[in-house]
N, C-alpha and C. Protein backbone atom coordinates (compact mmCIF):
# COMPACT_ATOMS: atom_id res chain seq x y z
N UNK A 1 92.08 99.81 100.88
CA UNK A 1 91.93 101.12 100.33
C UNK A 1 91.78 102.10 101.48
N UNK A 2 92.41 103.25 101.35
CA UNK A 2 92.27 104.33 102.33
C UNK A 2 91.30 105.37 101.78
N UNK A 3 90.34 105.74 102.59
CA UNK A 3 89.42 106.83 102.25
C UNK A 3 89.71 107.95 103.24
N UNK A 4 90.51 108.92 102.81
CA UNK A 4 90.94 110.01 103.68
C UNK A 4 89.99 111.19 103.50
N UNK A 5 89.45 111.67 104.61
CA UNK A 5 88.50 112.78 104.60
C UNK A 5 89.06 113.93 105.42
N UNK A 6 88.94 115.12 104.88
CA UNK A 6 89.33 116.34 105.59
C UNK A 6 88.23 116.66 106.60
N UNK A 7 88.47 116.34 107.86
CA UNK A 7 87.45 116.53 108.90
C UNK A 7 87.11 118.00 109.10
N UNK A 8 87.99 118.89 108.69
CA UNK A 8 87.74 120.32 108.89
C UNK A 8 86.92 120.95 107.76
N UNK A 9 86.70 120.20 106.69
CA UNK A 9 85.94 120.75 105.57
C UNK A 9 84.46 120.80 105.94
N UNK A 10 83.79 121.92 105.68
CA UNK A 10 82.38 122.04 106.08
C UNK A 10 81.45 121.04 105.39
N UNK A 11 81.84 120.51 104.25
CA UNK A 11 80.98 119.56 103.53
C UNK A 11 81.60 118.17 103.49
N UNK A 12 82.30 117.79 104.54
CA UNK A 12 82.99 116.50 104.55
C UNK A 12 82.02 115.33 104.38
N UNK A 13 80.81 115.43 104.93
CA UNK A 13 79.86 114.32 104.80
C UNK A 13 79.42 114.15 103.35
N UNK A 14 79.15 115.26 102.65
CA UNK A 14 78.78 115.18 101.24
C UNK A 14 79.93 114.60 100.42
N UNK A 15 81.15 114.99 100.75
CA UNK A 15 82.31 114.46 100.03
C UNK A 15 82.43 112.95 100.22
N UNK A 16 82.14 112.48 101.44
CA UNK A 16 82.21 111.03 101.69
C UNK A 16 81.16 110.30 100.87
N UNK A 17 79.95 110.86 100.78
CA UNK A 17 78.89 110.25 99.98
C UNK A 17 79.31 110.19 98.52
N UNK A 18 79.92 111.26 98.01
CA UNK A 18 80.37 111.28 96.62
C UNK A 18 81.41 110.20 96.37
N UNK A 19 82.36 110.06 97.27
CA UNK A 19 83.37 109.01 97.12
C UNK A 19 82.71 107.63 97.14
N UNK A 20 81.78 107.42 98.07
CA UNK A 20 81.08 106.14 98.13
C UNK A 20 80.33 105.85 96.83
N UNK A 21 79.71 106.88 96.25
CA UNK A 21 78.99 106.71 94.98
C UNK A 21 79.95 106.31 93.86
N UNK A 22 81.10 106.96 93.80
CA UNK A 22 82.08 106.64 92.76
C UNK A 22 82.60 105.21 92.95
N UNK A 23 82.87 104.83 94.18
CA UNK A 23 83.33 103.46 94.44
C UNK A 23 82.28 102.45 94.01
N UNK A 24 81.00 102.76 94.25
CA UNK A 24 79.92 101.86 93.83
C UNK A 24 79.87 101.76 92.31
N UNK A 25 80.03 102.89 91.62
CA UNK A 25 80.04 102.87 90.15
C UNK A 25 81.17 102.00 89.62
N UNK A 26 82.28 101.97 90.33
CA UNK A 26 83.43 101.17 89.92
C UNK A 26 83.35 99.72 90.40
N UNK A 27 82.28 99.41 91.14
CA UNK A 27 82.12 98.06 91.67
C UNK A 27 83.02 97.77 92.85
N UNK A 28 83.45 98.81 93.54
CA UNK A 28 84.39 98.64 94.66
C UNK A 28 83.76 98.91 96.02
N UNK A 29 82.43 98.98 96.07
CA UNK A 29 81.79 99.32 97.34
C UNK A 29 82.01 98.27 98.43
N UNK A 30 82.31 97.05 98.06
CA UNK A 30 82.56 95.99 99.04
C UNK A 30 84.05 95.81 99.33
N UNK A 31 84.89 96.59 98.66
CA UNK A 31 86.34 96.48 98.87
C UNK A 31 86.69 96.95 100.28
N UNK A 32 87.54 96.22 101.00
CA UNK A 32 87.92 96.66 102.35
C UNK A 32 88.48 98.09 102.32
N UNK A 33 87.89 98.94 103.12
CA UNK A 33 88.27 100.35 103.13
C UNK A 33 88.50 100.82 104.56
N UNK A 34 89.56 101.55 104.74
CA UNK A 34 89.86 102.14 106.03
C UNK A 34 89.53 103.63 105.94
N UNK A 35 88.56 104.06 106.75
CA UNK A 35 88.16 105.46 106.79
C UNK A 35 89.14 106.22 107.68
N UNK A 36 89.70 107.31 107.14
CA UNK A 36 90.65 108.13 107.88
C UNK A 36 90.15 109.57 107.89
N UNK A 37 89.96 110.11 109.07
CA UNK A 37 89.61 111.52 109.21
C UNK A 37 90.89 112.28 109.58
N UNK A 38 91.28 113.19 108.69
CA UNK A 38 92.49 113.97 108.91
C UNK A 38 92.12 115.40 109.32
N UNK A 39 93.09 116.12 109.81
CA UNK A 39 92.98 117.53 110.22
C UNK A 39 92.11 117.71 111.46
N UNK A 40 92.15 116.74 112.36
CA UNK A 40 91.41 116.92 113.60
C UNK A 40 91.92 118.13 114.38
N UNK A 41 93.19 118.47 114.19
CA UNK A 41 93.76 119.63 114.89
C UNK A 41 93.11 120.94 114.47
N UNK A 42 92.44 120.96 113.33
CA UNK A 42 91.81 122.18 112.83
C UNK A 42 90.37 122.34 113.33
N UNK A 43 89.89 121.40 114.12
CA UNK A 43 88.51 121.45 114.62
C UNK A 43 88.44 122.12 115.98
N UNK A 44 87.32 122.78 116.26
CA UNK A 44 87.11 123.38 117.57
C UNK A 44 86.92 122.32 118.64
N UNK A 45 86.25 121.21 118.27
CA UNK A 45 85.96 120.13 119.22
C UNK A 45 86.36 118.79 118.62
N UNK A 46 87.66 118.51 118.55
CA UNK A 46 88.09 117.26 117.92
C UNK A 46 87.58 116.02 118.65
N UNK A 47 87.47 116.09 119.97
CA UNK A 47 86.98 114.93 120.73
C UNK A 47 85.53 114.65 120.39
N UNK A 48 84.71 115.68 120.35
CA UNK A 48 83.30 115.51 120.01
C UNK A 48 83.13 114.97 118.60
N UNK A 49 83.92 115.51 117.66
CA UNK A 49 83.86 115.03 116.29
C UNK A 49 84.23 113.55 116.23
N UNK A 50 85.32 113.18 116.88
CA UNK A 50 85.78 111.79 116.85
C UNK A 50 84.75 110.86 117.46
N UNK A 51 84.13 111.27 118.56
CA UNK A 51 83.10 110.42 119.19
C UNK A 51 81.91 110.23 118.27
N UNK A 52 81.44 111.30 117.64
CA UNK A 52 80.29 111.21 116.73
C UNK A 52 80.63 110.37 115.50
N UNK A 53 81.79 110.61 114.91
CA UNK A 53 82.19 109.86 113.72
C UNK A 53 82.44 108.40 114.06
N UNK A 54 83.01 108.16 115.23
CA UNK A 54 83.28 106.78 115.65
C UNK A 54 81.98 105.98 115.81
N UNK A 55 80.92 106.65 116.25
CA UNK A 55 79.63 105.97 116.38
C UNK A 55 79.12 105.50 115.02
N UNK A 56 79.41 106.26 113.98
CA UNK A 56 78.94 105.90 112.63
C UNK A 56 79.93 104.99 111.90
N UNK A 57 81.22 105.21 112.12
CA UNK A 57 82.28 104.43 111.49
C UNK A 57 83.19 103.90 112.59
N UNK A 58 82.83 102.78 113.22
CA UNK A 58 83.57 102.30 114.40
C UNK A 58 85.05 102.01 114.15
N UNK A 59 85.42 101.69 112.93
CA UNK A 59 86.81 101.35 112.63
C UNK A 59 87.61 102.54 112.09
N UNK A 60 87.00 103.72 112.08
CA UNK A 60 87.67 104.90 111.53
C UNK A 60 88.91 105.26 112.33
N UNK A 61 89.84 105.89 111.65
CA UNK A 61 91.09 106.36 112.24
C UNK A 61 91.06 107.89 112.20
N UNK A 62 91.56 108.50 113.25
CA UNK A 62 91.57 109.96 113.36
C UNK A 62 93.01 110.43 113.45
N UNK A 63 93.37 111.35 112.53
CA UNK A 63 94.76 111.77 112.44
C UNK A 63 94.89 113.29 112.37
N UNK A 64 96.10 113.71 112.55
CA UNK A 64 96.48 115.11 112.35
C UNK A 64 97.90 115.09 111.81
N UNK A 65 98.02 115.24 110.51
CA UNK A 65 99.34 115.16 109.88
C UNK A 65 100.26 116.29 110.31
N UNK A 66 99.72 117.33 110.92
CA UNK A 66 100.53 118.47 111.35
C UNK A 66 101.24 118.22 112.68
N UNK A 67 100.81 117.21 113.41
CA UNK A 67 101.44 116.90 114.70
C UNK A 67 102.46 115.79 114.52
N UNK A 68 103.49 115.81 115.32
CA UNK A 68 104.55 114.81 115.22
C UNK A 68 103.99 113.40 115.37
N UNK A 69 103.12 113.20 116.35
CA UNK A 69 102.54 111.87 116.59
C UNK A 69 101.17 111.71 115.94
N UNK A 70 100.79 112.65 115.10
CA UNK A 70 99.44 112.66 114.54
C UNK A 70 99.12 111.53 113.59
N UNK A 71 100.13 110.89 113.02
CA UNK A 71 99.89 109.77 112.10
C UNK A 71 100.06 108.42 112.77
N UNK A 72 100.40 108.42 114.05
CA UNK A 72 100.62 107.15 114.76
C UNK A 72 99.41 106.23 114.70
N UNK A 73 98.18 106.72 114.88
CA UNK A 73 97.03 105.80 114.79
C UNK A 73 96.88 105.17 113.41
N UNK A 74 97.17 105.94 112.37
CA UNK A 74 97.08 105.39 111.01
C UNK A 74 98.16 104.35 110.78
N UNK A 75 99.38 104.65 111.21
CA UNK A 75 100.47 103.68 111.06
C UNK A 75 100.15 102.38 111.78
N UNK A 76 99.61 102.48 112.98
CA UNK A 76 99.26 101.27 113.76
C UNK A 76 98.16 100.48 113.05
N UNK A 77 97.17 101.17 112.52
CA UNK A 77 96.08 100.47 111.82
C UNK A 77 96.59 99.78 110.56
N UNK A 78 97.45 100.45 109.81
CA UNK A 78 98.01 99.83 108.60
C UNK A 78 98.88 98.64 108.94
N UNK A 79 99.67 98.77 110.01
CA UNK A 79 100.51 97.66 110.44
C UNK A 79 99.64 96.46 110.81
N UNK A 80 98.56 96.72 111.55
CA UNK A 80 97.66 95.64 111.95
C UNK A 80 97.01 94.96 110.76
N UNK A 81 96.59 95.74 109.78
CA UNK A 81 95.98 95.15 108.59
C UNK A 81 97.00 94.35 107.79
N UNK A 82 98.21 94.85 107.69
CA UNK A 82 99.25 94.12 106.97
C UNK A 82 99.56 92.80 107.66
N UNK A 83 99.62 92.83 108.99
CA UNK A 83 99.90 91.60 109.72
C UNK A 83 98.77 90.60 109.57
N UNK A 84 97.53 91.08 109.45
CA UNK A 84 96.42 90.15 109.29
C UNK A 84 96.47 89.43 107.95
N UNK A 85 97.16 90.02 106.98
CA UNK A 85 97.32 89.38 105.68
C UNK A 85 98.45 88.36 105.70
N UNK A 86 99.23 88.37 106.76
CA UNK A 86 100.34 87.44 106.91
C UNK A 86 100.14 86.64 108.20
N UNK A 87 99.33 85.59 108.13
CA UNK A 87 99.08 84.82 109.35
C UNK A 87 100.35 84.14 109.87
N UNK A 88 100.32 83.82 111.15
CA UNK A 88 101.45 83.14 111.78
C UNK A 88 101.41 81.66 111.43
N UNK A 89 102.55 81.12 111.06
CA UNK A 89 102.68 79.70 110.72
C UNK A 89 103.87 79.12 111.47
N UNK A 90 103.85 77.82 111.62
CA UNK A 90 104.98 77.08 112.21
C UNK A 90 105.55 76.22 111.10
N UNK A 91 106.79 76.48 110.74
CA UNK A 91 107.45 75.79 109.63
C UNK A 91 108.55 74.92 110.19
N UNK A 92 108.55 73.63 109.80
CA UNK A 92 109.59 72.70 110.24
C UNK A 92 110.61 72.51 109.12
N UNK A 93 111.85 72.83 109.42
CA UNK A 93 112.93 72.73 108.44
C UNK A 93 114.04 71.84 108.96
N UNK A 94 114.76 71.24 108.02
CA UNK A 94 116.02 70.61 108.36
C UNK A 94 116.95 71.74 108.79
N UNK A 95 117.65 71.60 109.91
CA UNK A 95 118.52 72.69 110.37
C UNK A 95 119.57 73.11 109.34
N UNK A 96 119.91 72.23 108.41
CA UNK A 96 120.90 72.56 107.39
C UNK A 96 120.29 73.27 106.18
N UNK A 97 118.98 73.48 106.18
CA UNK A 97 118.29 74.08 105.04
C UNK A 97 118.36 75.61 105.12
N UNK A 98 119.56 76.13 104.90
CA UNK A 98 119.78 77.56 104.98
C UNK A 98 119.03 78.34 103.91
N UNK A 99 118.80 77.72 102.75
CA UNK A 99 118.10 78.40 101.67
C UNK A 99 116.68 78.77 102.09
N UNK A 100 115.96 77.80 102.63
CA UNK A 100 114.58 78.08 103.04
C UNK A 100 114.53 78.96 104.28
N UNK A 101 115.45 78.76 105.20
CA UNK A 101 115.49 79.62 106.39
C UNK A 101 115.75 81.07 105.98
N UNK A 102 116.65 81.26 105.03
CA UNK A 102 116.92 82.60 104.52
C UNK A 102 115.69 83.21 103.86
N UNK A 103 114.94 82.38 103.11
CA UNK A 103 113.72 82.86 102.48
C UNK A 103 112.72 83.32 103.53
N UNK A 104 112.59 82.55 104.62
CA UNK A 104 111.66 82.94 105.68
C UNK A 104 112.06 84.28 106.30
N UNK A 105 113.36 84.48 106.48
CA UNK A 105 113.83 85.74 107.05
C UNK A 105 113.66 86.91 106.07
N UNK A 106 113.85 86.65 104.78
CA UNK A 106 113.72 87.71 103.78
C UNK A 106 112.27 88.11 103.54
N UNK A 107 111.39 87.10 103.48
CA UNK A 107 110.02 87.36 103.04
C UNK A 107 108.98 87.23 104.14
N UNK A 108 109.41 86.85 105.32
CA UNK A 108 108.47 86.72 106.43
C UNK A 108 108.94 87.54 107.61
N UNK A 109 108.18 87.44 108.66
CA UNK A 109 108.54 88.09 109.93
C UNK A 109 108.78 86.96 110.93
N UNK A 110 110.03 86.55 111.08
CA UNK A 110 110.36 85.43 111.95
C UNK A 110 110.20 85.87 113.40
N UNK A 111 109.31 85.17 114.10
CA UNK A 111 109.00 85.50 115.49
C UNK A 111 109.82 84.68 116.47
N UNK A 112 110.31 83.53 116.01
CA UNK A 112 111.11 82.68 116.87
C UNK A 112 111.48 81.39 116.17
N UNK A 113 112.46 80.71 116.73
CA UNK A 113 112.86 79.41 116.20
C UNK A 113 113.47 78.59 117.31
N UNK A 114 113.27 77.27 117.21
CA UNK A 114 113.77 76.35 118.23
C UNK A 114 113.97 74.98 117.60
N UNK A 115 114.92 74.23 118.15
CA UNK A 115 115.12 72.85 117.71
C UNK A 115 114.10 71.96 118.40
N UNK A 116 113.42 71.14 117.60
CA UNK A 116 112.43 70.19 118.11
C UNK A 116 112.62 68.87 117.40
N UNK A 117 113.00 67.85 118.14
CA UNK A 117 113.19 66.51 117.58
C UNK A 117 114.08 66.53 116.33
N UNK A 118 115.15 67.29 116.40
CA UNK A 118 116.10 67.33 115.30
C UNK A 118 115.71 68.24 114.15
N UNK A 119 114.56 68.88 114.25
CA UNK A 119 114.10 69.80 113.20
C UNK A 119 114.10 71.23 113.75
N UNK A 120 114.26 72.18 112.86
CA UNK A 120 114.19 73.58 113.25
C UNK A 120 112.75 74.05 113.07
N UNK A 121 112.10 74.37 114.18
CA UNK A 121 110.72 74.88 114.14
C UNK A 121 110.79 76.40 114.11
N UNK A 122 110.30 76.98 113.03
CA UNK A 122 110.35 78.43 112.84
C UNK A 122 108.92 78.97 112.92
N UNK A 123 108.70 79.88 113.83
CA UNK A 123 107.41 80.57 113.91
C UNK A 123 107.56 81.86 113.13
N UNK A 124 106.69 82.03 112.13
CA UNK A 124 106.88 83.13 111.18
C UNK A 124 105.53 83.65 110.68
N UNK A 125 105.44 84.97 110.48
CA UNK A 125 104.30 85.54 109.77
C UNK A 125 104.66 85.50 108.30
N UNK A 126 103.77 84.91 107.52
CA UNK A 126 104.10 84.63 106.13
C UNK A 126 102.84 84.72 105.28
N UNK A 127 102.98 85.23 104.06
CA UNK A 127 101.85 85.26 103.15
C UNK A 127 101.37 83.83 102.90
N UNK A 128 100.07 83.63 102.81
CA UNK A 128 99.54 82.28 102.59
C UNK A 128 100.10 81.59 101.36
N UNK A 129 100.35 82.33 100.29
CA UNK A 129 100.86 81.69 99.08
C UNK A 129 102.28 81.17 99.28
N UNK A 130 103.06 81.84 100.10
CA UNK A 130 104.42 81.33 100.38
C UNK A 130 104.35 80.06 101.22
N UNK A 131 103.43 80.04 102.18
CA UNK A 131 103.26 78.83 103.00
C UNK A 131 102.84 77.67 102.11
N UNK A 132 101.94 77.93 101.17
CA UNK A 132 101.48 76.87 100.26
C UNK A 132 102.62 76.40 99.36
N UNK A 133 103.46 77.30 98.92
CA UNK A 133 104.62 76.94 98.11
C UNK A 133 105.54 75.99 98.89
N UNK A 134 105.78 76.30 100.16
CA UNK A 134 106.61 75.42 100.99
C UNK A 134 105.97 74.05 101.13
N UNK A 135 104.66 74.01 101.32
CA UNK A 135 103.96 72.71 101.42
C UNK A 135 104.16 71.88 100.16
N UNK A 136 104.03 72.54 99.00
CA UNK A 136 104.22 71.82 97.73
C UNK A 136 105.64 71.27 97.60
N UNK A 137 106.58 71.93 98.28
CA UNK A 137 107.98 71.47 98.26
C UNK A 137 108.24 70.39 99.31
N UNK A 138 107.18 69.99 100.02
CA UNK A 138 107.32 68.93 101.01
C UNK A 138 107.67 69.39 102.41
N UNK A 139 107.64 70.68 102.65
CA UNK A 139 107.94 71.24 103.96
C UNK A 139 106.67 71.21 104.81
N UNK A 140 106.81 70.85 106.08
CA UNK A 140 105.67 70.86 107.00
C UNK A 140 105.40 72.29 107.45
N UNK A 141 104.17 72.75 107.18
CA UNK A 141 103.75 74.09 107.59
C UNK A 141 102.42 73.94 108.32
N UNK A 142 102.43 74.32 109.59
CA UNK A 142 101.20 74.26 110.39
C UNK A 142 100.63 75.65 110.56
């Protein structure tokens, strides 16, 4: 979940408390949340704000949607979180198994492949449920 806060709003802290209260009412207070402070470009002291906010929310992201590169930190954080949901696995396939190799390329992020003892070893970022599905089909997944 993304919790985006307008850093330039004079009552941003109260707004964050209100959002936290609503999330608690919904039973979502423990849900993984990425705190994003936007509009840093509208602040007189964006560095000071970021340092103070970072002390309270160490994983917070600071953005400025008005700048060309202003969303880069958010994009990087989202990419990192997405990759953490897709752990790296080593899948051993028969080299003639184009169906499964195609599935890995379509649904995973293939990082490399090599022939090992007559088998195709594919290093891939893959959702855990897909890895488990391959195991049930008799494929070796490490």
